[in-house]
Amino acid sequence: MNDSYGYGRDRGDRAPDGRGYAGRQDHPSRYSERPGGRPQSNYDDALESVQRHSVVNGTVLHEDEDGGIIVQINGARFEGKVSETELRQLPLEMQADLREEGHTCEFFVRRTPARNSSADEPMYYDLTITGLWREEDWRLAEDALRSGDVFPAVPTKYNKGGLLVRFGRMLEGFVPISHIWNFPSFREPEQREEALNRWVNEGEEMPVKVIEVTREKRKLVLSNKEAVLDRNREDKAALFETLQVGDVVEGTVRNIRDFGAFVDIGGVEGLLHISEIDWDLVRHPSDYLQEGQVLEVKVLHIDREKGRVKLSRKALAPTPWKTVPERYNVGQVVWVDITKKKDFGAFAKLEPGVEGLIHVSEVAPKAERNPMVTINEGDRLEVEIIRIDAANQRIGLSRARVLNASSGWSASGEFEDDYDDYNDY
């Protein structure tokens, strides 16, 4: 048995005299010509025993003068013929097998003998192997449509509407642009064709699933997008079964927004909020991240019902607040950069990842009626540290006390320890 080409092989049905199929003679005319003197109805019955586009078993009798082969079809009155053109489309090893007398396998009936053929002219069924493969491919496509299975395919060609991929042995499936996962939107047709051409030239496999089969129109439509979404759903379900808060996982940045970035951690896209990107102030995620970047993140929260995950990148870096008490003291005067103004005061950066609050009452001397107009975002100022709460990552600062000290004014008064304003940052 040789299954390398998908056809069966059985050399055990030869007649004892070695002339071919048991009980048959190898003379073609005995089985090829219309039986003379027989009623037309018998002829019709003989044709009806083998239908067009059916699959039949046959035994090779001999080669014909045109380079093809003559086949005895099991249970049929007439013989079949495989043309030399058809044979040339097959692998060399298979051609050699089919030219061997007594070889048996399955054939596809492309056409039945013509009813108006001359009585003196041999009548053959037009047989093909590639037609058998094509039939198998259509059945495979129909099965894939029913099952929704995802399988790999390699783009071989493209047109303005999408990609063509090999399906089975003989068919080509069409993947429309609208069904290519993450295919960019181009204004110019030339850019779109260039992108499609890259798919073909790179020759990389893409997952696809069958979404339409219309055999009579020879139409086979596939979707890469649906296949990716299906796999993502499967991967997501599997990941949620094992993912735990505190896990450190590798992910890929898929989408950057003003409020953060979405990171694919293996079928699940988690949110890396802007506040969790770095200990330093992040004005926009694109300053620290780019789409396609691979990075490690820590899982902060999992909502299994809604399918949401919160991630952190800065949680994997040492917090600068841990050593703040070692580097800063109450009463110490330091330089800071104003990062943000609010009605209740201003936030100021002492170093990357460490910010303090200058409460509105500590922005300027008490005599100043509108202290917030005296500072702006981006200003670099001298301030005095008046409170340190490293455990809660908060530092109280005063600009007024520095100004009072330099001008000889008295202190502006007691500092209002309203750390709740941090929550509004």
Protein backbone atom coordinates (compact mmCIF):
# COMPACT_ATOMS: atom_id res chain seq x y z
CA MET A 1 0.00 0.00 0.00
CA ASN A 2 1.33 3.43 -0.92
CA ASP A 3 -0.49 6.34 0.71
CA SER A 4 2.00 9.07 -0.11
CA TYR A 5 -0.26 10.55 -2.76
CA GLY A 6 -3.59 9.75 -1.18
CA TYR A 7 -4.53 6.94 -3.53
CA GLY A 8 -4.78 3.25 -2.83
CA ARG A 9 -2.61 0.66 -4.44
CA ASP A 10 -3.34 -3.06 -4.70
CA ARG A 11 -1.34 -5.32 -6.95
CA GLY A 12 -3.04 -8.53 -5.78
CA ASP A 13 -5.96 -8.54 -8.25
CA ARG A 14 -4.03 -9.75 -11.27
CA ALA A 15 -5.15 -12.74 -13.25
CA PRO A 16 -3.04 -15.89 -12.98
CA ASP A 17 -1.78 -15.29 -16.53
CA GLY A 18 -0.52 -11.85 -15.52
CA ARG A 19 -2.57 -10.05 -18.14
CA GLY A 20 -4.43 -7.75 -15.80
CA TYR A 21 -7.62 -7.85 -13.79
CA ALA A 22 -8.75 -11.40 -12.96
CA GLY A 23 -11.16 -12.79 -15.55
CA ARG A 24 -10.48 -9.92 -17.99
CA GLN A 25 -8.54 -9.83 -21.24
CA ASP A 26 -6.35 -6.88 -22.05
CA HIS A 27 -7.77 -6.32 -25.51
CA PRO A 28 -9.41 -2.87 -25.33
CA SER A 29 -12.04 -3.41 -28.00
CA ARG A 30 -13.83 -6.11 -26.04
CA TYR A 31 -14.96 -3.58 -23.44
CA SER A 32 -14.66 -0.27 -25.29
CA GLU A 33 -16.99 -0.53 -28.24
CA ARG A 34 -20.74 -0.18 -27.97
CA PRO A 35 -22.17 -3.70 -28.10
CA GLY A 36 -23.50 -4.14 -31.62
CA GLY A 37 -27.12 -5.11 -32.05
CA ARG A 38 -28.04 -4.35 -28.42
CA PRO A 39 -31.08 -2.18 -27.65
CA GLN A 40 -30.47 1.49 -26.79
CA SER A 41 -31.96 0.91 -23.32
CA ASN A 42 -29.19 -1.56 -22.49
CA TYR A 43 -26.66 1.07 -23.51
CA ASP A 44 -28.35 3.63 -21.27
CA ASP A 45 -28.36 1.16 -18.40
CA ALA A 46 -24.64 0.61 -18.89
CA LEU A 47 -23.98 4.36 -18.64
CA GLU A 48 -26.23 4.76 -15.62
CA SER A 49 -24.11 2.27 -13.67
CA VAL A 50 -21.32 4.87 -13.52
CA GLN A 51 -22.36 8.47 -12.95
CA ARG A 52 -20.58 11.63 -14.02
CA HIS A 53 -18.58 13.20 -11.16
CA SER A 54 -18.60 9.94 -9.22
CA VAL A 55 -15.62 8.15 -7.71
CA VAL A 56 -14.90 4.64 -9.05
CA ASN A 57 -12.35 1.89 -8.51
CA GLY A 58 -10.39 0.74 -11.54
CA THR A 59 -7.51 -1.40 -12.74
CA VAL A 60 -4.94 -0.26 -15.30
CA LEU A 61 -5.09 -2.42 -18.44
CA HIS A 62 -2.41 -0.85 -20.63
CA GLU A 63 -1.10 2.38 -22.11
CA ASP A 64 -2.75 3.74 -25.22
CA GLU A 65 -1.08 5.10 -28.32
CA ASP A 66 -1.55 8.72 -27.18
CA GLY A 67 0.49 8.23 -23.99
CA GLY A 68 -2.50 7.89 -21.66
CA ILE A 69 -3.76 4.76 -19.90
CA ILE A 70 -6.81 2.55 -20.34
CA VAL A 71 -8.60 1.54 -17.13
CA GLN A 72 -11.10 -1.21 -16.46
CA ILE A 73 -13.75 0.28 -14.13
CA ASN A 74 -15.13 -2.19 -11.64
CA GLY A 75 -18.77 -3.00 -12.48
CA ALA A 76 -18.86 -0.90 -15.66
CA ARG A 77 -19.51 -2.03 -19.25
CA PHE A 78 -17.14 0.51 -20.77
CA GLU A 79 -13.53 1.24 -19.98
CA GLY A 80 -12.09 4.50 -18.82
CA LYS A 81 -9.20 6.58 -20.06
CA VAL A 82 -6.74 8.87 -18.30
CA SER A 83 -5.16 11.27 -20.77
CA GLU A 84 -1.46 11.87 -21.10
CA THR A 85 -2.06 15.54 -20.22
CA GLU A 86 -3.69 14.50 -16.93
CA LEU A 87 -0.84 12.10 -16.13
CA ARG A 88 1.76 14.85 -16.58
CA GLN A 89 0.14 16.83 -13.73
CA LEU A 90 0.91 14.03 -11.28
CA PRO A 91 4.13 13.36 -9.34
CA LEU A 92 6.63 11.24 -11.27
CA GLU A 93 6.39 8.32 -8.85
CA MET A 94 2.64 8.27 -9.22
CA GLN A 95 2.89 8.42 -13.02
CA ALA A 96 5.11 5.36 -12.98
CA ASP A 97 2.63 3.47 -10.78
CA LEU A 98 -0.31 4.31 -13.02
CA ARG A 99 1.51 3.13 -16.14
CA GLU A 100 2.04 -0.26 -14.56
CA GLU A 101 -0.40 -2.89 -15.80
CA GLY A 102 -2.65 -4.22 -13.03
CA HIS A 103 -2.28 -1.20 -10.76
CA THR A 104 -5.57 -0.40 -8.99
CA CYS A 105 -6.75 2.83 -7.40
CA GLU A 106 -9.66 5.27 -7.32
CA PHE A 107 -10.51 7.58 -10.20
CA PHE A 108 -12.87 10.53 -10.66
CA VAL A 109 -15.32 10.34 -13.59
CA ARG A 110 -15.05 13.68 -15.35
CA ARG A 111 -17.29 12.72 -18.32
CA THR A 112 -19.28 9.68 -19.43
CA PRO A 113 -19.06 8.27 -23.00
CA ALA A 114 -20.99 10.31 -25.59
CA ARG A 115 -24.28 8.72 -26.61
CA ASN A 116 -23.87 9.74 -30.24
CA SER A 117 -20.45 8.19 -30.74
CA SER A 118 -19.88 6.05 -33.81
CA ALA A 119 -20.33 2.31 -33.29
CA ASP A 120 -16.84 1.79 -34.69
CA GLU A 121 -15.27 4.27 -32.30
CA PRO A 122 -14.10 3.08 -28.84
CA MET A 123 -16.08 4.61 -26.00
CA TYR A 124 -14.38 5.61 -22.77
CA TYR A 125 -15.19 7.27 -19.50
CA ASP A 126 -12.98 10.34 -19.10
CA LEU A 127 -11.13 9.65 -15.85
CA THR A 128 -8.89 11.86 -13.75
CA ILE A 129 -6.86 11.68 -10.55
CA THR A 130 -6.68 15.44 -10.00
CA GLY A 131 -10.47 15.57 -10.20
CA LEU A 132 -10.55 13.05 -7.37
CA TRP A 133 -8.28 15.27 -5.32
CA ARG A 134 -10.40 18.30 -6.16
CA GLU A 135 -13.51 16.45 -5.04
CA GLU A 136 -11.77 15.52 -1.78
CA ASP A 137 -10.77 19.17 -1.32
CA TRP A 138 -14.37 20.35 -1.73
CA ARG A 139 -15.53 17.79 0.80
CA LEU A 140 -12.77 18.91 3.16
CA ALA A 141 -13.90 22.54 2.71
CA GLU A 142 -17.51 21.65 3.45
CA ASP A 143 -16.46 19.70 6.54
CA ALA A 144 -14.31 22.62 7.69
CA LEU A 145 -17.23 25.01 7.22
CA ARG A 146 -19.45 22.83 9.41
CA SER A 147 -16.83 22.24 12.10
CA GLY A 148 -15.37 25.76 12.20
CA ASP A 149 -11.87 24.30 12.48
CA VAL A 150 -8.86 26.60 12.23
CA PHE A 151 -5.91 25.45 10.10
CA PRO A 152 -2.72 26.98 8.64
CA ALA A 153 -2.47 28.28 5.06
CA VAL A 154 0.27 29.97 3.05
CA PRO A 155 -0.60 32.87 0.68
CA THR A 156 0.52 32.10 -2.88
CA LYS A 157 -0.97 34.99 -4.87
CA TYR A 158 -2.87 38.22 -4.38
CA ASN A 159 -5.26 40.48 -6.23
CA LYS A 160 -6.68 43.89 -5.41
CA GLY A 161 -9.31 42.33 -3.15
CA GLY A 162 -7.18 40.07 -0.98
CA LEU A 163 -4.99 36.96 -0.81
CA LEU A 164 -5.19 33.57 -2.50
CA VAL A 165 -4.07 30.58 -0.46
CA ARG A 166 -3.63 26.90 -1.33
CA PHE A 167 -6.38 24.71 0.06
CA GLY A 168 -5.77 20.98 -0.01
CA ARG A 169 -4.13 19.69 -3.19
CA MET A 170 -6.08 21.39 -5.96
CA LEU A 171 -8.19 24.28 -4.66
CA GLU A 172 -7.41 27.92 -3.98
CA GLY A 173 -9.23 29.81 -1.26
CA PHE A 174 -9.75 33.57 -1.18
CA VAL A 175 -9.07 35.67 1.92
CA PRO A 176 -10.66 39.14 1.44
CA ILE A 177 -8.79 42.14 2.81
CA SER A 178 -11.65 42.68 5.27
CA HIS A 179 -10.87 39.24 6.71
CA ILE A 180 -7.11 39.73 7.17
CA TRP A 181 -6.29 40.31 10.83
CA ASN A 182 -4.93 43.81 11.57
CA PHE A 183 -4.55 44.69 7.88
CA PRO A 184 -3.69 48.42 7.70
CA SER A 185 -5.96 50.94 6.04
CA PHE A 186 -4.33 52.59 3.01
CA ARG A 187 -5.49 55.54 0.96
CA GLU A 188 -3.50 54.59 -2.13
CA PRO A 189 -4.14 51.29 -3.98
CA GLU A 190 -0.40 50.92 -4.55
CA GLN A 191 0.23 50.82 -0.80
CA ARG A 192 -2.43 48.16 -0.34
CA GLU A 193 -0.96 46.01 -3.13
CA GLU A 194 2.52 46.40 -1.65
CA ALA A 195 1.26 45.12 1.71
CA LEU A 196 -0.46 42.15 0.05
CA ASN A 197 2.66 41.39 -1.95
CA ARG A 198 4.70 41.26 1.27
CA TRP A 199 2.37 38.57 2.62
CA VAL A 200 3.02 36.46 -0.49
CA ASN A 201 6.78 37.06 -0.63
CA GLU A 202 7.32 36.28 3.04
CA GLY A 203 5.50 32.97 2.62
CA GLU A 204 4.49 32.79 6.28
CA GLU A 205 1.61 30.62 7.44
CA MET A 206 -1.57 32.34 8.51
CA PRO A 207 -4.40 30.71 10.48
CA VAL A 208 -7.66 30.61 8.52
CA LYS A 209 -11.15 29.15 8.77
CA VAL A 210 -13.69 28.46 6.03
CA ILE A 211 -16.62 30.91 6.01
CA GLU A 212 -18.24 30.20 2.61
CA VAL A 213 -18.34 27.24 0.22
CA THR A 214 -20.25 27.42 -3.08
CA ARG A 215 -19.08 24.45 -5.13
CA GLU A 216 -21.14 25.17 -8.26
CA LYS A 217 -19.56 28.63 -8.50
CA ARG A 218 -16.14 27.27 -7.45
CA LYS A 219 -16.15 29.76 -4.60
CA LEU A 220 -14.18 29.12 -1.43
CA VAL A 221 -13.84 32.05 1.02
CA LEU A 222 -11.61 31.94 4.09
CA SER A 223 -11.11 34.29 7.03
CA ASN A 224 -7.87 34.97 8.83
CA LYS A 225 -9.60 37.42 11.19
CA GLU A 226 -12.20 34.91 12.37
CA ALA A 227 -9.48 32.30 12.89
CA VAL A 228 -7.39 34.67 15.02
CA LEU A 229 -10.42 35.70 17.08
CA ASP A 230 -11.35 32.04 17.64
CA ARG A 231 -7.86 31.20 18.81
CA ASN A 232 -7.75 34.29 21.01
CA ARG A 233 -10.99 33.20 22.68
CA GLU A 234 -9.57 29.74 23.30
CA ASP A 235 -6.27 31.15 24.57
CA LYS A 236 -8.13 33.64 26.75
CA ALA A 237 -10.26 30.95 28.36
CA ALA A 238 -7.19 28.80 29.03
CA LEU A 239 -5.21 31.73 30.43
CA PHE A 240 -7.98 32.84 32.80
CA GLU A 241 -8.01 29.37 34.30
CA THR A 242 -4.40 29.71 35.47
CA LEU A 243 -3.69 33.46 35.71
CA GLN A 244 -3.28 34.80 39.26
CA VAL A 245 -2.81 38.23 40.81
CA GLY A 246 0.91 38.79 41.36
CA ASP A 247 1.98 36.75 38.34
CA VAL A 248 4.78 38.25 36.26
CA VAL A 249 4.13 37.60 32.56
CA GLU A 250 5.56 38.60 29.20
CA GLY A 251 3.37 40.66 26.93
CA THR A 252 3.32 42.62 23.69
CA VAL A 253 2.07 46.19 23.41
CA ARG A 254 -0.85 46.13 20.96
CA ASN A 255 -2.45 49.55 21.27
CA ILE A 256 -1.40 52.84 22.88
CA ARG A 257 -4.01 55.30 24.12
CA ASP A 258 -3.84 58.55 26.08
CA PHE A 259 -4.78 56.78 29.32
CA GLY A 260 -2.40 53.82 28.94
CA ALA A 261 -1.62 50.83 26.74
CA PHE A 262 -3.24 47.48 26.00
CA VAL A 263 -0.82 44.60 26.35
CA ASP A 264 -1.40 41.10 24.93
CA ILE A 265 -0.27 38.58 27.54
CA GLY A 266 -1.14 35.46 25.53
CA GLY A 267 -4.72 35.72 24.30
CA VAL A 268 -5.78 38.32 26.87
CA GLU A 269 -5.27 42.06 26.47
CA GLY A 270 -4.65 43.69 29.81
CA LEU A 271 -4.64 47.41 30.58
CA LEU A 272 -1.35 48.98 31.55
CA HIS A 273 -2.61 52.28 32.95
CA ILE A 274 -0.48 55.39 32.49
CA SER A 275 0.08 55.54 36.26
CA GLU A 276 1.56 52.01 36.21
CA ILE A 277 4.08 52.51 33.42
CA ASP A 278 6.90 54.10 35.40
CA TRP A 279 7.63 55.59 38.79
CA ASP A 280 8.41 58.88 37.09
CA LEU A 281 5.62 61.14 35.84
CA VAL A 282 4.40 59.81 32.46
CA ARG A 283 2.78 62.52 30.39
CA HIS A 284 1.93 60.16 27.53
CA PRO A 285 2.44 56.38 27.23
CA SER A 286 4.10 56.78 23.82
CA ASP A 287 7.04 58.46 25.58
CA TYR A 288 7.85 55.09 27.19
CA LEU A 289 6.22 52.45 24.99
CA GLN A 290 5.75 51.59 21.34
CA GLU A 291 3.38 49.17 19.62
CA GLY A 292 4.94 45.75 19.15
CA GLN A 293 7.28 46.20 22.12
CA VAL A 294 7.75 43.09 24.26
CA LEU A 295 7.96 43.68 28.01
CA GLU A 296 7.37 42.05 31.38
CA VAL A 297 4.40 43.16 33.47
CA LYS A 298 2.88 42.22 36.81
CA VAL A 299 -0.78 41.26 37.19
CA LEU A 300 -2.47 43.67 39.63
CA HIS A 301 -6.14 42.73 39.25
CA ILE A 302 -8.29 40.13 37.43
CA ASP A 303 -12.00 40.48 36.69
CA ARG A 304 -12.85 37.02 35.35
CA GLU A 305 -16.53 37.85 34.77
CA LYS A 306 -15.78 40.84 32.55
CA GLY A 307 -12.56 39.36 31.16
CA ARG A 308 -10.40 42.28 32.26
CA VAL A 309 -6.87 42.37 33.61
CA LYS A 310 -4.93 45.29 35.11
CA LEU A 311 -1.18 45.29 34.71
CA SER A 312 1.81 47.18 36.05
CA ARG A 313 5.27 47.74 34.69
CA LYS A 314 6.56 49.98 37.44
CA ALA A 315 5.73 47.34 40.07
CA LEU A 316 8.68 45.33 38.75
CA ALA A 317 11.11 48.21 39.32
CA PRO A 318 12.40 49.17 42.78
CA THR A 319 10.27 51.93 44.30
CA PRO A 320 12.30 55.08 45.01
CA TRP A 321 10.03 55.75 47.99
CA LYS A 322 11.65 52.92 49.94
CA THR A 323 14.81 54.97 50.51
CA VAL A 324 13.20 58.43 50.70
CA PRO A 325 13.66 58.67 54.53
CA GLU A 326 17.36 58.00 54.02
CA ARG A 327 17.77 60.81 51.51
CA TYR A 328 15.37 63.49 52.69
CA ASN A 329 14.61 65.14 56.05
CA VAL A 330 11.96 67.50 57.38
CA GLY A 331 13.33 71.07 57.22
CA GLN A 332 15.57 70.27 54.26
CA VAL A 333 15.48 72.78 51.38
CA VAL A 334 15.52 71.19 47.90
CA TRP A 335 14.98 72.16 44.28
CA VAL A 336 11.83 70.80 42.59
CA ASP A 337 10.06 70.98 39.23
CA ILE A 338 6.36 71.91 39.11
CA THR A 339 4.58 69.11 37.23
CA LYS A 340 0.90 69.95 37.70
CA LYS A 341 -1.27 72.76 39.09
CA LYS A 342 -4.58 72.21 40.85
CA ASP A 343 -6.96 74.49 42.74
CA PHE A 344 -5.66 73.07 46.04
CA GLY A 345 -1.98 73.47 45.20
CA ALA A 346 0.77 72.17 42.95
CA PHE A 347 2.61 68.88 42.55
CA ALA A 348 6.38 69.07 42.37
CA LYS A 349 8.96 66.44 41.39
CA LEU A 350 11.94 65.97 43.65
CA GLU A 351 13.41 63.14 41.54
CA PRO A 352 12.09 60.54 39.07
CA GLY A 353 9.26 58.73 40.81
CA VAL A 354 9.12 61.00 43.86
CA GLU A 355 6.68 63.90 43.95
CA GLY A 356 5.45 66.13 46.72
CA LEU A 357 2.51 68.49 47.19
CA ILE A 358 2.82 72.22 47.72
CA HIS A 359 -0.52 73.04 49.30
CA VAL A 360 -2.10 76.32 48.19
CA SER A 361 -1.45 77.71 51.70
CA GLU A 362 2.28 77.01 51.22
CA VAL A 363 2.70 78.31 47.70
CA ALA A 364 3.39 81.98 48.59
CA PRO A 365 3.59 84.25 51.68
CA LYS A 366 0.30 84.86 53.48
CA ALA A 367 0.04 88.40 52.09
CA GLU A 368 -0.36 87.03 48.55
CA ARG A 369 -4.10 87.02 47.77
CA ASN A 370 -3.88 84.69 44.76
CA PRO A 371 -0.82 82.48 45.37
CA MET A 372 -1.43 80.05 42.47
CA VAL A 373 -0.74 82.74 39.86
CA THR A 374 2.85 83.00 41.13
CA ILE A 375 3.82 79.53 39.82
CA ASN A 376 3.40 77.64 36.56
CA GLU A 377 3.90 74.09 35.36
CA GLY A 378 7.54 73.60 34.40
CA ASP A 379 8.88 76.12 36.94
CA ARG A 380 11.94 75.08 38.96
CA LEU A 381 11.66 76.26 42.55
CA GLU A 382 13.30 75.99 45.96
CA VAL A 383 11.03 74.49 48.62
CA GLU A 384 11.28 73.24 52.17
CA ILE A 385 10.25 69.72 53.14
CA ILE A 386 7.71 70.02 55.94
CA ARG A 387 6.32 66.45 56.13
CA ILE A 388 7.41 62.96 54.94
CA ASP A 389 5.05 59.96 54.75
CA ALA A 390 7.07 57.42 52.76
CA ALA A 391 4.69 54.54 53.54
CA ASN A 392 1.88 56.34 51.68
CA GLN A 393 4.26 57.90 49.16
CA ARG A 394 3.53 61.50 50.14
CA ILE A 395 5.73 64.50 50.89
CA GLY A 396 4.54 67.93 52.02
CA LEU A 397 6.44 70.93 50.63
CA SER A 398 6.44 74.67 51.29
CA ARG A 399 7.58 77.44 48.99
CA ALA A 400 6.20 80.13 51.27
CA ARG A 401 8.63 79.24 54.09
CA VAL A 402 11.62 79.56 51.76
CA LEU A 403 10.40 82.96 50.53
CA ASN A 404 9.66 84.13 54.08
CA ALA A 405 13.11 83.09 55.25
CA SER A 406 14.82 84.94 52.42
CA SER A 407 12.76 88.13 52.90
CA GLY A 408 12.73 88.18 56.66
CA TRP A 409 8.98 87.54 56.86
CA SER A 410 7.61 85.27 59.55
CA ALA A 411 6.25 81.83 58.70
CA SER A 412 2.90 81.77 56.96
CA GLY A 413 1.31 79.66 59.65
CA GLU A 414 0.55 76.02 60.31
CA PHE A 415 0.56 73.72 57.30
CA GLU A 416 -2.82 72.21 56.51
CA ASP A 417 -2.04 68.50 56.28
CA ASP A 418 -4.66 67.73 53.60
CA TYR A 419 -3.07 64.71 51.93
CA ASP A 420 -6.44 63.70 50.51
CA ASP A 421 -5.72 66.14 47.71
CA TYR A 422 -3.28 63.59 46.37
CA ASN A 423 -6.24 61.52 45.27
CA ASP A 424 -7.24 64.28 42.85
CA TYR A 425 -3.93 64.17 41.03
